[in-house]
Amino acid sequence: MLEYYLPIKHLHITAATLSLAFFAVRAWWSVREAPLLQQRWVKVAPHLIDTSLLVLGVVLMVMLSMWPHQHPWLAAKLVALLAYIGLGTIAIKRGRTPRVRAVAALAAVATFAYMLGTAIRHSPLSWLA
């Protein structure tokens, strides 16, 4: 099973990159109140990308027998993921004004950067470790 580690890891990284890039585009459209945000493919694509990202992450976790209660950096990453999702919903659709959506989008991107740092540094201190 470990022979599939690198391809799965690279797919996970690719899905994360696509997720962030498409989030940034949708957040921009949300702040600009662009009608493109209402198209069906724009509503469906993030679910496909983010589901694959999550599934690949779980597969990696199981493959490596790494559990959040044993690895604080992984627990921190999962908590940050919940914050990212919450901020993302405010940035894309729940924020009442373009300014609120823009601030939530910036906070979501900062949270994503924190998650990236925890993954790379294997520390809840993220980039500060």
Protein backbone atom coordinates (compact mmCIF):
# COMPACT_ATOMS: atom_id res chain seq x y z
CA MET A 1 0.00 0.00 0.00
CA LEU A 2 2.86 2.41 0.72
CA GLU A 3 3.93 2.22 -2.92
CA TYR A 4 0.90 4.46 -3.61
CA TYR A 5 1.94 7.05 -1.02
CA LEU A 6 3.67 9.50 -3.37
CA PRO A 7 0.97 9.52 -6.06
CA ILE A 8 -1.74 9.98 -3.41
CA LYS A 9 0.26 12.71 -1.69
CA HIS A 10 0.73 14.53 -5.01
CA LEU A 11 -2.97 14.21 -5.82
CA HIS A 12 -3.75 15.62 -2.35
CA ILE A 13 -1.43 18.57 -2.98
CA THR A 14 -2.95 19.13 -6.42
CA ALA A 15 -6.47 19.06 -4.97
CA ALA A 16 -5.41 21.54 -2.26
CA THR A 17 -3.95 23.87 -4.89
CA LEU A 18 -7.10 23.64 -7.02
CA SER A 19 -9.26 24.19 -3.95
CA LEU A 20 -7.42 27.36 -2.95
CA ALA A 21 -7.25 28.73 -6.49
CA PHE A 22 -10.95 28.17 -7.15
CA PHE A 23 -11.83 29.54 -3.71
CA ALA A 24 -9.91 32.74 -4.51
CA VAL A 25 -11.74 33.13 -7.82
CA ARG A 26 -15.14 32.51 -6.24
CA ALA A 27 -14.36 34.87 -3.35
CA TRP A 28 -13.41 37.57 -5.85
CA TRP A 29 -16.65 36.99 -7.74
CA SER A 30 -18.57 37.12 -4.46
CA VAL A 31 -17.01 40.44 -3.43
CA ARG A 32 -17.67 41.84 -6.90
CA GLU A 33 -21.19 40.32 -6.84
CA ALA A 34 -20.55 38.71 -10.22
CA PRO A 35 -23.38 36.64 -11.72
CA LEU A 36 -20.87 33.91 -12.65
CA LEU A 37 -21.08 32.77 -9.02
CA GLN A 38 -24.63 31.54 -9.66
CA GLN A 39 -23.73 29.16 -12.50
CA ARG A 40 -24.29 25.48 -11.75
CA TRP A 41 -20.71 24.35 -12.50
CA VAL A 42 -19.37 27.00 -10.12
CA LYS A 43 -21.57 25.60 -7.36
CA VAL A 44 -20.75 21.92 -8.08
CA ALA A 45 -16.98 22.04 -8.82
CA PRO A 46 -15.86 23.07 -5.30
CA HIS A 47 -17.71 20.13 -3.78
CA LEU A 48 -15.99 17.70 -6.14
CA ILE A 49 -12.56 19.24 -5.55
CA ASP A 50 -12.92 19.53 -1.77
CA THR A 51 -14.39 16.03 -1.39
CA SER A 52 -11.43 14.56 -3.27
CA LEU A 53 -9.07 16.66 -1.11
CA LEU A 54 -10.65 15.36 2.09
CA VAL A 55 -10.82 11.74 0.90
CA LEU A 56 -7.17 11.82 -0.18
CA GLY A 57 -6.20 13.31 3.19
CA VAL A 58 -8.04 10.56 5.05
CA VAL A 59 -6.43 7.92 2.82
CA LEU A 60 -2.98 9.33 3.63
CA MET A 61 -3.81 9.42 7.33
CA VAL A 62 -4.93 5.76 7.28
CA MET A 63 -2.02 4.64 5.10
CA LEU A 64 0.47 6.17 7.52
CA SER A 65 -1.52 5.28 10.67
CA MET A 66 -1.35 8.92 11.73
CA TRP A 67 -4.18 9.91 14.03
CA PRO A 68 -4.99 13.43 15.25
CA HIS A 69 -4.91 12.38 18.91
CA GLN A 70 -1.31 11.16 18.42
CA HIS A 71 -0.02 14.03 16.26
CA PRO A 72 -0.84 17.54 17.50
CA TRP A 73 0.00 19.11 14.12
CA LEU A 74 -2.63 16.93 12.45
CA ALA A 75 -5.23 17.85 15.07
CA ALA A 76 -4.38 21.53 14.58
CA LYS A 77 -4.72 21.15 10.83
CA LEU A 78 -8.17 19.57 11.18
CA VAL A 79 -9.36 22.32 13.55
CA ALA A 80 -8.03 24.91 11.10
CA LEU A 81 -9.90 23.10 8.32
CA LEU A 82 -13.16 23.67 10.19
CA ALA A 83 -12.29 27.37 10.55
CA TYR A 84 -11.41 27.55 6.85
CA ILE A 85 -14.76 26.03 5.88
CA GLY A 86 -16.65 28.44 8.14
CA LEU A 87 -14.76 31.47 6.86
CA GLY A 88 -15.21 30.24 3.30
CA THR A 89 -18.99 30.08 3.62
CA ILE A 90 -19.00 33.67 4.90
CA ALA A 91 -16.69 34.77 2.07
CA ILE A 92 -18.72 33.12 -0.67
CA LYS A 93 -22.36 33.36 0.36
CA ARG A 94 -23.15 34.17 4.00
CA GLY A 95 -21.39 37.53 4.30
CA ARG A 96 -23.93 40.34 4.21
CA THR A 97 -21.73 42.92 2.51
CA PRO A 98 -18.87 42.79 0.03
CA ARG A 99 -16.54 44.11 2.76
CA VAL A 100 -17.50 41.30 5.18
CA ARG A 101 -17.03 38.75 2.39
CA ALA A 102 -13.61 40.22 1.51
CA VAL A 103 -12.39 40.15 5.12
CA ALA A 104 -13.64 36.56 5.52
CA ALA A 105 -11.89 35.57 2.28
CA LEU A 106 -8.58 37.02 3.47
CA ALA A 107 -8.98 35.27 6.83
CA ALA A 108 -9.75 32.00 5.01
CA VAL A 109 -6.61 32.32 2.87
CA ALA A 110 -4.55 33.04 6.01
CA THR A 111 -6.06 29.93 7.62
CA PHE A 112 -5.16 27.91 4.52
CA ALA A 113 -1.58 29.21 4.78
CA TYR A 114 -1.52 28.10 8.42
CA MET A 115 -2.71 24.60 7.41
CA LEU A 116 -0.01 24.44 4.76
CA GLY A 117 2.61 25.38 7.34
CA THR A 118 1.40 22.72 9.77
CA ALA A 119 1.57 20.10 7.02
CA ILE A 120 5.06 21.08 5.92
CA ARG A 121 6.56 21.67 9.38
CA HIS A 122 4.56 18.95 11.19
CA SER A 123 3.96 21.41 14.01
CA PRO A 124 0.89 23.24 15.34
CA LEU A 125 3.14 26.33 15.32
CA SER A 126 2.98 26.13 11.53
CA TRP A 127 5.52 28.45 9.88
CA LEU A 128 6.85 29.58 13.27
CA ALA A 129 8.19 26.14 14.14
